[in-house]
C-alpha atoms as a PDB file:
ATOM      1  CA  MET A   1     -35.768  -7.830 -37.736  1.00  0.00           C
ATOM      2  CA  ILE A   2     -34.995 -11.337 -36.483  1.00  0.00           C
ATOM      3  CA  ARG A   3     -31.343 -10.446 -35.897  1.00  0.00           C
ATOM      4  CA  THR A   4     -32.365  -7.374 -33.949  1.00  0.00           C
ATOM      5  CA  THR A   5     -34.747  -9.391 -31.766  1.00  0.00           C
ATOM      6  CA  VAL A   6     -32.147 -12.073 -31.082  1.00  0.00           C
ATOM      7  CA  LEU A   7     -29.561  -9.437 -30.163  1.00  0.00           C
ATOM      8  CA  ALA A   8     -32.012  -7.765 -27.795  1.00  0.00           C
ATOM      9  CA  VAL A   9     -32.771 -11.093 -26.138  1.00  0.00           C
ATOM     10  CA  LEU A  10     -29.098 -11.893 -25.695  1.00  0.00           C
ATOM     11  CA  LEU A  11     -28.368  -8.492 -24.241  1.00  0.00           C
ATOM     12  CA  ALA A  12     -31.273  -8.785 -21.821  1.00  0.00           C
ATOM     13  CA  ALA A  13     -30.131 -12.258 -20.772  1.00  0.00           C
ATOM     14  CA  SER A  14     -26.579 -11.102 -20.171  1.00  0.00           C
ATOM     15  CA  PHE A  15     -27.506  -7.932 -18.247  1.00  0.00           C
ATOM     16  CA  PRO A  16     -28.374  -9.632 -14.906  1.00  0.00           C
ATOM     17  CA  ALA A  17     -25.019 -11.376 -14.867  1.00  0.00           C
ATOM     18  CA  PHE A  18     -23.249  -8.104 -15.719  1.00  0.00           C
ATOM     19  CA  ALA A  19     -25.206  -6.279 -13.011  1.00  0.00           C
ATOM     20  CA  THR A  20     -24.307  -9.010 -10.498  1.00  0.00           C
ATOM     21  CA  GLU A  21     -20.612  -8.676 -11.329  1.00  0.00           C
ATOM     22  CA  GLN A  22     -20.825  -4.907 -10.992  1.00  0.00           C
ATOM     23  CA  ALA A  23     -22.547  -5.192  -7.597  1.00  0.00           C
ATOM     24  CA  LYS A  24     -19.973  -7.733  -6.476  1.00  0.00           C
ATOM     25  CA  ALA A  25     -17.131  -5.461  -7.511  1.00  0.00           C
ATOM     26  CA  LYS A  26     -18.510  -2.439  -5.681  1.00  0.00           C
ATOM     27  CA  PRO A  27     -16.912  -2.232  -2.234  1.00  0.00           C
ATOM     28  CA  ASP A  28     -19.078  -2.238   0.907  1.00  0.00           C
ATOM     29  CA  LEU A  29     -17.647   0.845   2.579  1.00  0.00           C
ATOM     30  CA  ALA A  30     -20.107   0.748   5.470  1.00  0.00           C
ATOM     31  CA  LYS A  31     -18.997  -2.779   6.390  1.00  0.00           C
ATOM     32  CA  ALA A  32     -15.343  -1.764   6.005  1.00  0.00           C
ATOM     33  CA  LYS A  33     -15.909   1.190   8.323  1.00  0.00           C
ATOM     34  CA  GLU A  34     -17.218  -1.143  11.036  1.00  0.00           C
ATOM     35  CA  ILE A  35     -14.159  -3.380  10.719  1.00  0.00           C
ATOM     36  CA  ALA A  36     -11.823  -0.354  10.740  1.00  0.00           C
ATOM     37  CA  GLU A  37     -13.464   1.009  13.892  1.00  0.00           C
ATOM     38  CA  GLY A  38     -13.488  -2.339  15.630  1.00  0.00           C
ATOM     39  CA  VAL A  39     -10.228  -3.977  14.527  1.00  0.00           C
ATOM     40  CA  CYS A  40      -7.855  -1.497  12.876  1.00  0.00           C
ATOM     41  CA  VAL A  41      -8.440   1.555  15.051  1.00  0.00           C
ATOM     42  CA  ALA A  42      -5.869   0.843  17.783  1.00  0.00           C
ATOM     43  CA  CYS A  43      -2.881   0.806  15.432  1.00  0.00           C
ATOM     44  CA  HIS A  44      -3.999   2.700  12.331  1.00  0.00           C
ATOM     45  CA  GLY A  45      -6.823   4.935  13.547  1.00  0.00           C
ATOM     46  CA  ALA A  46     -10.426   4.515  12.455  1.00  0.00           C
ATOM     47  CA  ASP A  47      -9.767   6.603   9.334  1.00  0.00           C
ATOM     48  CA  GLY A  48      -6.341   5.148   8.578  1.00  0.00           C
ATOM     49  CA  ASN A  49      -4.370   8.019  10.085  1.00  0.00           C
ATOM     50  CA  SER A  50      -2.121   6.142  12.449  1.00  0.00           C
ATOM     51  CA  PRO A  51      -1.456   7.816  15.802  1.00  0.00           C
ATOM     52  CA  ALA A  52       2.009   6.252  16.109  1.00  0.00           C
ATOM     53  CA  PRO A  53       4.957   6.418  13.651  1.00  0.00           C
ATOM     54  CA  ALA A  54       5.686   2.718  14.110  1.00  0.00           C
ATOM     55  CA  ASN A  55       2.459   1.954  12.234  1.00  0.00           C
ATOM     56  CA  PRO A  56       1.828   3.151   8.669  1.00  0.00           C
ATOM     57  CA  ILE A  57      -0.679   5.756   7.632  1.00  0.00           C
ATOM     58  CA  LEU A  58      -3.225   3.947   5.487  1.00  0.00           C
ATOM     59  CA  ALA A  59      -5.462   6.872   4.593  1.00  0.00           C
ATOM     60  CA  GLY A  60      -5.091   7.851   0.942  1.00  0.00           C
ATOM     61  CA  GLN A  61      -2.938   4.827   0.136  1.00  0.00           C
ATOM     62  CA  ILE A  62      -3.506   3.089  -3.229  1.00  0.00           C
ATOM     63  CA  SER A  63      -6.337   0.548  -2.889  1.00  0.00           C
ATOM     64  CA  GLU A  64      -4.639  -2.210  -4.902  1.00  0.00           C
ATOM     65  CA  TYR A  65      -1.530  -1.910  -2.804  1.00  0.00           C
ATOM     66  CA  LEU A  66      -3.469  -2.126   0.461  1.00  0.00           C
ATOM     67  CA  TYR A  67      -5.352  -5.187  -0.758  1.00  0.00           C
ATOM     68  CA  LYS A  68      -2.082  -6.868  -1.748  1.00  0.00           C
ATOM     69  CA  GLN A  69      -0.522  -6.259   1.630  1.00  0.00           C
ATOM     70  CA  LEU A  70      -3.568  -7.526   3.538  1.00  0.00           C
ATOM     71  CA  SER A  71      -3.602 -10.637   1.361  1.00  0.00           C
ATOM     72  CA  ASN A  72       0.117 -11.174   1.862  1.00  0.00           C
ATOM     73  CA  PHE A  73      -0.280 -11.085   5.637  1.00  0.00           C
ATOM     74  CA  LYS A  74      -2.840 -13.928   5.505  1.00  0.00           C
ATOM     75  CA  ALA A  75      -1.769 -17.560   5.541  1.00  0.00           C
ATOM     76  CA  ALA A  76      -3.737 -19.618   3.019  1.00  0.00           C
ATOM     77  CA  ASP A  77      -4.019 -23.190   1.735  1.00  0.00           C
ATOM     78  CA  GLY A  78      -1.708 -24.490   4.440  1.00  0.00           C
ATOM     79  CA  LYS A  79       1.083 -22.194   3.322  1.00  0.00           C
ATOM     80  CA  PRO A  80       2.692 -19.515   5.522  1.00  0.00           C
ATOM     81  CA  ALA A  81       1.909 -15.873   4.864  1.00  0.00           C
ATOM     82  CA  VAL A  82       4.014 -14.213   2.142  1.00  0.00           C
ATOM     83  CA  ARG A  83       4.586 -11.266   4.498  1.00  0.00           C
ATOM     84  CA  ASN A  84       5.369 -12.541   7.944  1.00  0.00           C
ATOM     85  CA  ASN A  85       4.006 -10.372  10.769  1.00  0.00           C
ATOM     86  CA  ALA A  86       2.497 -11.948  13.846  1.00  0.00           C
ATOM     87  CA  ILE A  87       0.262  -9.021  14.713  1.00  0.00           C
ATOM     88  CA  MET A  88      -1.097  -8.441  11.204  1.00  0.00           C
ATOM     89  CA  GLY A  89      -1.367 -12.160  10.624  1.00  0.00           C
ATOM     90  CA  GLY A  90      -3.702 -12.399  13.590  1.00  0.00           C
ATOM     91  CA  MET A  91      -5.700  -9.352  12.456  1.00  0.00           C
ATOM     92  CA  VAL A  92      -6.418 -10.648   8.956  1.00  0.00           C
ATOM     93  CA  ALA A  93      -7.008 -14.274   9.940  1.00  0.00           C
ATOM     94  CA  ALA A  94     -10.747 -13.785  10.285  1.00  0.00           C
ATOM     95  CA  LEU A  95     -11.102 -11.455   7.295  1.00  0.00           C
ATOM     96  CA  SER A  96     -12.547 -12.740   4.024  1.00  0.00           C
ATOM     97  CA  ASP A  97     -11.186 -11.744   0.645  1.00  0.00           C
ATOM     98  CA  GLU A  98     -14.192  -9.431   0.309  1.00  0.00           C
ATOM     99  CA  ASP A  99     -13.437  -7.870   3.705  1.00  0.00           C
ATOM    100  CA  MET A 100      -9.914  -7.094   2.621  1.00  0.00           C
ATOM    101  CA  ARG A 101     -11.050  -5.566  -0.646  1.00  0.00           C
ATOM    102  CA  ASN A 102     -13.598  -3.481   1.227  1.00  0.00           C
ATOM    103  CA  LEU A 103     -11.027  -2.261   3.722  1.00  0.00           C
ATOM    104  CA  ALA A 104      -8.532  -1.422   0.978  1.00  0.00           C
ATOM    105  CA  ALA A 105     -11.128   0.678  -0.829  1.00  0.00           C
ATOM    106  CA  TYR A 106     -12.279   2.319   2.416  1.00  0.00           C
ATOM    107  CA  PHE A 107      -8.847   3.421   3.595  1.00  0.00           C
ATOM    108  CA  SER A 108      -7.847   4.567   0.097  1.00  0.00           C
ATOM    109  CA  GLN A 109     -10.773   7.006   0.149  1.00  0.00           C
ATOM    110  CA  GLN A 110      -9.971   8.556   3.546  1.00  0.00           C
ATOM    111  CA  LYS A 111      -8.250  11.904   3.737  1.00  0.00           C
ATOM    112  CA  MET A 112      -4.605  11.553   4.720  1.00  0.00           C
ATOM    113  CA  LYS A 113      -3.163  13.625   7.523  1.00  0.00           C
ATOM    114  CA  PRO A 114       0.471  13.571   6.343  1.00  0.00           C
ATOM    115  CA  SER A 115       3.506  13.325   8.520  1.00  0.00           C
ATOM    116  CA  LEU A 116       6.208  16.000   8.483  1.00  0.00           C
ATOM    117  CA  ALA A 117       9.888  15.981   7.702  1.00  0.00           C
ATOM    118  CA  LYS A 118      11.714  16.796  10.932  1.00  0.00           C
ATOM    119  CA  GLU A 119      15.440  16.309  10.272  1.00  0.00           C
ATOM    120  CA  GLU A 120      16.351  19.157   7.916  1.00  0.00           C
ATOM    121  CA  LYS A 121      19.992  18.123   7.710  1.00  0.00           C
ATOM    122  CA  LEU A 122      18.907  14.894   5.942  1.00  0.00           C
ATOM    123  CA  LEU A 123      16.645  16.510   3.374  1.00  0.00           C
ATOM    124  CA  ALA A 124      19.228  17.540   0.820  1.00  0.00           C
ATOM    125  CA  GLU A 125      20.680  14.030   0.572  1.00  0.00           C
ATOM    126  CA  GLY A 126      17.227  12.495   0.616  1.00  0.00           C
ATOM    127  CA  LYS A 127      16.138  14.758  -2.213  1.00  0.00           C
ATOM    128  CA  THR A 128      19.131  13.680  -4.313  1.00  0.00           C
ATOM    129  CA  LEU A 129      18.436   9.999  -3.747  1.00  0.00           C
ATOM    130  CA  TRP A 130      14.737  10.463  -4.483  1.00  0.00           C
ATOM    131  CA  ARG A 131      15.275  12.369  -7.698  1.00  0.00           C
ATOM    132  CA  MET A 132      18.578  11.020  -9.001  1.00  0.00           C
ATOM    133  CA  GLY A 133      19.534   7.925  -7.017  1.00  0.00           C
ATOM    134  CA  ASP A 134      23.190   7.061  -6.480  1.00  0.00           C
ATOM    135  CA  PHE A 135      24.849   6.088  -9.777  1.00  0.00           C
ATOM    136  CA  GLU A 136      28.070   4.845  -8.206  1.00  0.00           C
ATOM    137  CA  LYS A 137      26.229   2.414  -5.917  1.00  0.00           C
ATOM    138  CA  GLY A 138      23.709   1.403  -8.580  1.00  0.00           C
ATOM    139  CA  ILE A 139      20.773   2.901  -6.733  1.00  0.00           C
ATOM    140  CA  PRO A 140      17.966   4.133  -9.022  1.00  0.00           C
ATOM    141  CA  ALA A 141      15.924   7.243  -8.293  1.00  0.00           C
ATOM    142  CA  CYS A 142      12.953   6.541  -6.015  1.00  0.00           C
ATOM    143  CA  ALA A 143      10.895   8.867  -8.187  1.00  0.00           C
ATOM    144  CA  GLY A 144      11.163   6.414 -11.053  1.00  0.00           C
ATOM    145  CA  CYS A 145       8.652   4.078  -9.370  1.00  0.00           C
ATOM    146  CA  HIS A 146       7.001   6.167  -6.655  1.00  0.00           C
ATOM    147  CA  GLY A 147       6.685   9.385  -8.660  1.00  0.00           C
ATOM    148  CA  PRO A 148       8.312  12.811  -8.270  1.00  0.00           C
ATOM    149  CA  ALA A 149       5.789  13.781  -5.571  1.00  0.00           C
ATOM    150  CA  GLY A 150       5.673  10.335  -3.983  1.00  0.00           C
ATOM    151  CA  ALA A 151       2.097   9.613  -5.108  1.00  0.00           C
ATOM    152  CA  GLY A 152       2.968   6.105  -6.188  1.00  0.00           C
ATOM    153  CA  LEU A 153       1.725   4.166  -9.217  1.00  0.00           C
ATOM    154  CA  PRO A 154      -1.612   2.328  -8.917  1.00  0.00           C
ATOM    155  CA  VAL A 155      -1.385  -1.483  -8.744  1.00  0.00           C
ATOM    156  CA  GLN A 156       2.417  -1.514  -8.694  1.00  0.00           C
ATOM    157  CA  TYR A 157       3.987   0.990  -6.280  1.00  0.00           C
ATOM    158  CA  PRO A 158       2.649   2.522  -3.048  1.00  0.00           C
ATOM    159  CA  ARG A 159       2.263   6.148  -2.101  1.00  0.00           C
ATOM    160  CA  LEU A 160       5.130   7.226   0.166  1.00  0.00           C
ATOM    161  CA  ALA A 161       4.478  10.964   0.350  1.00  0.00           C
ATOM    162  CA  GLY A 162       3.596  12.027   3.879  1.00  0.00           C
ATOM    163  CA  GLN A 163       4.286   8.560   5.354  1.00  0.00           C
ATOM    164  CA  TYR A 164       6.003   8.454   8.708  1.00  0.00           C
ATOM    165  CA  ALA A 165       9.779   8.531   8.173  1.00  0.00           C
ATOM    166  CA  GLU A 166      10.188   6.008  10.974  1.00  0.00           C
ATOM    167  CA  TYR A 167       7.902   3.499   9.241  1.00  0.00           C
ATOM    168  CA  THR A 168       9.431   3.984   5.802  1.00  0.00           C
ATOM    169  CA  ALA A 169      12.909   3.529   7.214  1.00  0.00           C
ATOM    170  CA  SER A 170      11.934   0.385   9.117  1.00  0.00           C
ATOM    171  CA  GLN A 171      10.510  -1.169   5.934  1.00  0.00           C
ATOM    172  CA  LEU A 172      13.587  -0.370   3.900  1.00  0.00           C
ATOM    173  CA  LYS A 173      15.650  -2.131   6.557  1.00  0.00           C
ATOM    174  CA  THR A 174      13.411  -5.191   6.563  1.00  0.00           C
ATOM    175  CA  PHE A 175      13.711  -5.327   2.762  1.00  0.00           C
ATOM    176  CA  ARG A 176      17.487  -5.011   3.140  1.00  0.00           C
ATOM    177  CA  SER A 177      17.629  -7.923   5.576  1.00  0.00           C
ATOM    178  CA  HIS A 178      15.141  -9.924   3.471  1.00  0.00           C
ATOM    179  CA  GLU A 179      12.865 -10.152   6.526  1.00  0.00           C
ATOM    180  CA  ARG A 180      10.270  -8.644   4.227  1.00  0.00           C
ATOM    181  CA  ALA A 181      10.195 -10.409   0.866  1.00  0.00           C
ATOM    182  CA  ASN A 182       6.859  -9.654  -0.788  1.00  0.00           C
ATOM    183  CA  ASP A 183       8.304  -7.306  -3.421  1.00  0.00           C
ATOM    184  CA  SER A 184       7.924  -8.345  -7.036  1.00  0.00           C
ATOM    185  CA  GLU A 185      11.136  -9.545  -8.691  1.00  0.00           C
ATOM    186  CA  LYS A 186      13.075  -8.648  -5.522  1.00  0.00           C
ATOM    187  CA  VAL A 187      13.114  -5.005  -6.626  1.00  0.00           C
ATOM    188  CA  MET A 188      13.051  -3.434  -3.167  1.00  0.00           C
ATOM    189  CA  ARG A 189      15.326  -6.033  -1.622  1.00  0.00           C
ATOM    190  CA  THR A 190      17.930  -5.341  -4.307  1.00  0.00           C
ATOM    191  CA  ILE A 191      17.691  -1.545  -3.938  1.00  0.00           C
ATOM    192  CA  ALA A 192      17.547  -1.502  -0.130  1.00  0.00           C
ATOM    193  CA  GLY A 193      20.544  -3.881  -0.013  1.00  0.00           C
ATOM    194  CA  LYS A 194      22.641  -1.033  -1.442  1.00  0.00           C
ATOM    195  CA  LEU A 195      21.442   1.647   0.952  1.00  0.00           C
ATOM    196  CA  SER A 196      23.326   2.599   4.105  1.00  0.00           C
ATOM    197  CA  ASP A 197      21.510   3.400   7.341  1.00  0.00           C
ATOM    198  CA  HIS A 198      22.209   7.069   6.700  1.00  0.00           C
ATOM    199  CA  GLN A 199      20.793   6.943   3.182  1.00  0.00           C
ATOM    200  CA  ILE A 200      17.687   5.118   4.422  1.00  0.00           C
ATOM    201  CA  ALA A 201      17.117   7.803   7.056  1.00  0.00           C
ATOM    202  CA  ALA A 202      17.631  10.551   4.484  1.00  0.00           C
ATOM    203  CA  VAL A 203      15.254   9.244   1.832  1.00  0.00           C
ATOM    204  CA  ALA A 204      12.604   8.298   4.411  1.00  0.00           C
ATOM    205  CA  GLU A 205      12.767  11.828   5.880  1.00  0.00           C
ATOM    206  CA  TYR A 206      12.460  13.387   2.442  1.00  0.00           C
ATOM    207  CA  ALA A 207       9.460  11.213   1.539  1.00  0.00           C
ATOM    208  CA  ALA A 208       7.711  12.258   4.750  1.00  0.00           C
ATOM    209  CA  GLY A 209       7.792  15.844   3.598  1.00  0.00           C
ATOM    210  CA  LEU A 210       6.500  15.230   0.077  1.00  0.00           C
ATOM    211  CA  ARG A 211       2.985  16.301  -0.860  1.00  0.00           C
END
């Protein structure tokens, strides 16, 4: 009886702390929506469906990936941002860690309006690279990390299906030049370094048409 009582007391004492952590972990989507409509809308659209192919579609993207990118754009502790971008650096400067988590959750829950593949002549080569890679050049299949349908892998790899081909291609090129260097273990920099401009265009076009 005593053990049961003690256990009940301990559980009751720990519950408020647990509830607090749960509340803290739950994203404030209403606050995120305000930030999206006031700050993000011009480049990414209020719902994360970017109106311009130079800017990525954020709607439906993996929450953990979005949070990582927002964090990487932000300079902290006197150190430069891991991902150097003057525009995004300015946008995230006033955002708290909680704001970035909220935004990541908000955009991940929006319905994506996917882009379309436009250059049919590139699709066959893009499909081969996506599914099989290029053995002779040491290029692995994109599907190995981003999935056969381009849905990505939570926490580790982003969704690429339906993303603007122009944006995907530009990011592959910045990885290739090491202008973008926030990839774990230099994975994307290594792979992109082996891709030609034509191959980049082909795989980006194929990804745009994935669903």
